[in-house]
């Protein structure tokens, strides 16, 4: 069964989420730089193909952590995370996007990001 978060449960998880996000953002940036350098000149200060594969594997591991906690990854650049929830009997997603410091938004499950509203 899919996990349903209360607002308090999701907010309590945010410090750990932000730790994982910081690492994911750093690894994502390293991979982008490495990929660019290798395509442009065939060399990079970050490494080569083995390092590229290792960074890709680490990104997969980090994304898997979010899913294992019951969160849904809706985008990776910027990182967009939804926490399945129910507010006033309505299925919603508590919604966080990279750059936010707290969980403060939600949208009805069927409507998506464009229907984001501040949490009551």
C-alpha atoms as a PDB file:
ATOM      1  CA  UNK A   1       0.000   0.000   0.000  1.00  0.00           C
ATOM      2  CA  UNK A   2       1.229   3.494  -0.808  1.00  0.00           C
ATOM      3  CA  UNK A   3       2.147   5.677   2.127  1.00  0.00           C
ATOM      4  CA  UNK A   4      -0.151   8.543   3.074  1.00  0.00           C
ATOM      5  CA  UNK A   5       1.580  11.309   5.009  1.00  0.00           C
ATOM      6  CA  UNK A   6       0.036  13.650   7.524  1.00  0.00           C
ATOM      7  CA  UNK A   7       1.310  17.209   7.258  1.00  0.00           C
ATOM      8  CA  UNK A   8       3.179  16.723  10.549  1.00  0.00           C
ATOM      9  CA  UNK A   9       4.821  13.485   9.351  1.00  0.00           C
ATOM     10  CA  UNK A  10       5.977  15.079   6.105  1.00  0.00           C
ATOM     11  CA  UNK A  11       7.283  18.188   7.878  1.00  0.00           C
ATOM     12  CA  UNK A  12       9.136  16.056  10.427  1.00  0.00           C
ATOM     13  CA  UNK A  13      10.897  14.263   7.565  1.00  0.00           C
ATOM     14  CA  UNK A  14      12.038  17.510   5.921  1.00  0.00           C
ATOM     15  CA  UNK A  15      15.443  17.845   7.662  1.00  0.00           C
ATOM     16  CA  UNK A  16      16.426  14.407   6.342  1.00  0.00           C
ATOM     17  CA  UNK A  17      14.893  15.205   2.950  1.00  0.00           C
ATOM     18  CA  UNK A  18      16.969  18.400   2.752  1.00  0.00           C
ATOM     19  CA  UNK A  19      20.166  16.480   3.577  1.00  0.00           C
ATOM     20  CA  UNK A  20      19.487  14.075   0.716  1.00  0.00           C
ATOM     21  CA  UNK A  21      18.544  16.977  -1.560  1.00  0.00           C
ATOM     22  CA  UNK A  22      21.845  18.770  -0.857  1.00  0.00           C
ATOM     23  CA  UNK A  23      23.786  15.672  -1.866  1.00  0.00           C
ATOM     24  CA  UNK A  24      21.619  15.056  -4.922  1.00  0.00           C
ATOM     25  CA  UNK A  25      22.069  18.648  -6.129  1.00  0.00           C
ATOM     26  CA  UNK A  26      25.856  18.401  -5.731  1.00  0.00           C
ATOM     27  CA  UNK A  27      26.067  15.046  -7.526  1.00  0.00           C
ATOM     28  CA  UNK A  28      23.723  16.282 -10.275  1.00  0.00           C
ATOM     29  CA  UNK A  29      25.971  19.335 -10.827  1.00  0.00           C
ATOM     30  CA  UNK A  30      29.131  17.211 -10.902  1.00  0.00           C
ATOM     31  CA  UNK A  31      27.560  14.885 -13.451  1.00  0.00           C
ATOM     32  CA  UNK A  32      26.437  17.783 -15.643  1.00  0.00           C
ATOM     33  CA  UNK A  33      29.918  19.337 -15.564  1.00  0.00           C
ATOM     34  CA  UNK A  34      31.655  16.033 -16.186  1.00  0.00           C
ATOM     35  CA  UNK A  35      29.353  15.163 -19.078  1.00  0.00           C
ATOM     36  CA  UNK A  36      29.839  18.578 -20.666  1.00  0.00           C
ATOM     37  CA  UNK A  37      33.639  18.485 -20.301  1.00  0.00           C
ATOM     38  CA  UNK A  38      33.886  14.984 -21.747  1.00  0.00           C
ATOM     39  CA  UNK A  39      31.740  15.926 -24.745  1.00  0.00           C
ATOM     40  CA  UNK A  40      33.663  19.151 -25.372  1.00  0.00           C
ATOM     41  CA  UNK A  41      37.246  18.070 -24.878  1.00  0.00           C
ATOM     42  CA  UNK A  42      37.284  14.429 -23.823  1.00  0.00           C
ATOM     43  CA  UNK A  43      38.790  15.287 -20.425  1.00  0.00           C
ATOM     44  CA  UNK A  44      37.525  16.656 -17.136  1.00  0.00           C
ATOM     45  CA  UNK A  45      39.064  17.524 -13.789  1.00  0.00           C
ATOM     46  CA  UNK A  46      36.209  15.523 -12.242  1.00  0.00           C
ATOM     47  CA  UNK A  47      37.157  12.293 -14.010  1.00  0.00           C
ATOM     48  CA  UNK A  48      36.131  10.162 -16.914  1.00  0.00           C
ATOM     49  CA  UNK A  49      33.628   7.494 -17.826  1.00  0.00           C
ATOM     50  CA  UNK A  50      34.038   5.493 -14.569  1.00  0.00           C
ATOM     51  CA  UNK A  51      33.308   8.609 -12.503  1.00  0.00           C
ATOM     52  CA  UNK A  52      30.353   9.432 -14.730  1.00  0.00           C
ATOM     53  CA  UNK A  53      28.882   5.980 -14.164  1.00  0.00           C
ATOM     54  CA  UNK A  54      29.505   6.279 -10.412  1.00  0.00           C
ATOM     55  CA  UNK A  55      27.713   9.645 -10.295  1.00  0.00           C
ATOM     56  CA  UNK A  56      24.767   8.233 -12.260  1.00  0.00           C
ATOM     57  CA  UNK A  57      24.583   5.303  -9.829  1.00  0.00           C
ATOM     58  CA  UNK A  58      24.644   7.655  -6.839  1.00  0.00           C
ATOM     59  CA  UNK A  59      21.814   9.723  -8.310  1.00  0.00           C
ATOM     60  CA  UNK A  60      19.779   6.534  -8.764  1.00  0.00           C
ATOM     61  CA  UNK A  61      20.473   5.557  -5.137  1.00  0.00           C
ATOM     62  CA  UNK A  62      19.423   8.955  -3.841  1.00  0.00           C
ATOM     63  CA  UNK A  63      16.234   9.005  -5.920  1.00  0.00           C
ATOM     64  CA  UNK A  64      15.447   5.490  -4.701  1.00  0.00           C
ATOM     65  CA  UNK A  65      15.707   6.684  -1.099  1.00  0.00           C
ATOM     66  CA  UNK A  66      12.879   9.196  -1.670  1.00  0.00           C
ATOM     67  CA  UNK A  67      10.681   6.537  -3.257  1.00  0.00           C
ATOM     68  CA  UNK A  68      11.428   4.084  -0.443  1.00  0.00           C
ATOM     69  CA  UNK A  69      10.119   6.657   2.056  1.00  0.00           C
ATOM     70  CA  UNK A  70       6.848   6.947   0.100  1.00  0.00           C
ATOM     71  CA  UNK A  71       7.583  10.243  -1.645  1.00  0.00           C
ATOM     72  CA  UNK A  72       7.029  10.817  -5.341  1.00  0.00           C
ATOM     73  CA  UNK A  73       9.710  12.474  -7.470  1.00  0.00           C
ATOM     74  CA  UNK A  74       7.971  14.641 -10.064  1.00  0.00           C
ATOM     75  CA  UNK A  75      11.093  16.319 -11.465  1.00  0.00           C
ATOM     76  CA  UNK A  76      14.848  16.234 -10.994  1.00  0.00           C
ATOM     77  CA  UNK A  77      16.031  19.638 -12.263  1.00  0.00           C
ATOM     78  CA  UNK A  78      14.677  21.359 -10.323  1.00  0.00           C
ATOM     79  CA  UNK A  79      13.927  18.620  -7.842  1.00  0.00           C
ATOM     80  CA  UNK A  80      10.182  18.395  -7.202  1.00  0.00           C
ATOM     81  CA  UNK A  81       8.881  16.089  -4.475  1.00  0.00           C
ATOM     82  CA  UNK A  82       5.288  15.203  -3.615  1.00  0.00           C
ATOM     83  CA  UNK A  83       4.107  13.580  -0.389  1.00  0.00           C
ATOM     84  CA  UNK A  84       0.773  11.766  -0.866  1.00  0.00           C
ATOM     85  CA  UNK A  85      -1.686  13.042   1.722  1.00  0.00           C
ATOM     86  CA  UNK A  86      -5.337  13.716   2.488  1.00  0.00           C
ATOM     87  CA  UNK A  87      -6.661  17.128   3.559  1.00  0.00           C
ATOM     88  CA  UNK A  88     -10.301  17.507   4.530  1.00  0.00           C
ATOM     89  CA  UNK A  89     -11.091  14.148   2.932  1.00  0.00           C
ATOM     90  CA  UNK A  90      -9.517  15.126  -0.423  1.00  0.00           C
ATOM     91  CA  UNK A  91      -6.525  13.327  -1.953  1.00  0.00           C
ATOM     92  CA  UNK A  92      -3.682  15.842  -2.221  1.00  0.00           C
ATOM     93  CA  UNK A  93       0.047  16.006  -2.675  1.00  0.00           C
ATOM     94  CA  UNK A  94       2.084  18.011  -0.192  1.00  0.00           C
ATOM     95  CA  UNK A  95       4.432  19.689  -2.616  1.00  0.00           C
ATOM     96  CA  UNK A  96       8.067  20.767  -2.230  1.00  0.00           C
ATOM     97  CA  UNK A  97      10.367  22.192  -4.924  1.00  0.00           C
ATOM     98  CA  UNK A  98      14.121  22.673  -4.834  1.00  0.00           C
ATOM     99  CA  UNK A  99      15.043  25.954  -3.198  1.00  0.00           C
ATOM    100  CA  UNK A 100      12.258  25.938  -0.622  1.00  0.00           C
ATOM    101  CA  UNK A 101      13.393  25.565   2.975  1.00  0.00           C
ATOM    102  CA  UNK A 102      10.158  24.106   4.338  1.00  0.00           C
ATOM    103  CA  UNK A 103       7.124  22.166   3.228  1.00  0.00           C
ATOM    104  CA  UNK A 104       4.417  24.769   2.796  1.00  0.00           C
ATOM    105  CA  UNK A 105       2.371  23.889  -0.311  1.00  0.00           C
ATOM    106  CA  UNK A 106      -0.117  21.316  -1.559  1.00  0.00           C
ATOM    107  CA  UNK A 107      -2.246  20.598  -4.600  1.00  0.00           C
ATOM    108  CA  UNK A 108      -5.089  18.232  -5.358  1.00  0.00           C
ATOM    109  CA  UNK A 109      -3.675  14.961  -6.609  1.00  0.00           C
ATOM    110  CA  UNK A 110      -5.363  15.118  -9.990  1.00  0.00           C
ATOM    111  CA  UNK A 111      -4.355  18.734 -10.704  1.00  0.00           C
ATOM    112  CA  UNK A 112      -0.598  18.850 -10.262  1.00  0.00           C
ATOM    113  CA  UNK A 113       1.916  21.611  -9.675  1.00  0.00           C
ATOM    114  CA  UNK A 114       0.030  24.438 -11.384  1.00  0.00           C
ATOM    115  CA  UNK A 115      -2.729  24.122  -8.770  1.00  0.00           C
ATOM    116  CA  UNK A 116      -0.342  24.637  -5.804  1.00  0.00           C
ATOM    117  CA  UNK A 117      -1.779  26.402  -2.776  1.00  0.00           C
ATOM    118  CA  UNK A 118      -0.245  27.329   0.578  1.00  0.00           C
ATOM    119  CA  UNK A 119      -0.943  24.780   3.300  1.00  0.00           C
ATOM    120  CA  UNK A 120      -3.758  25.896   5.586  1.00  0.00           C
END
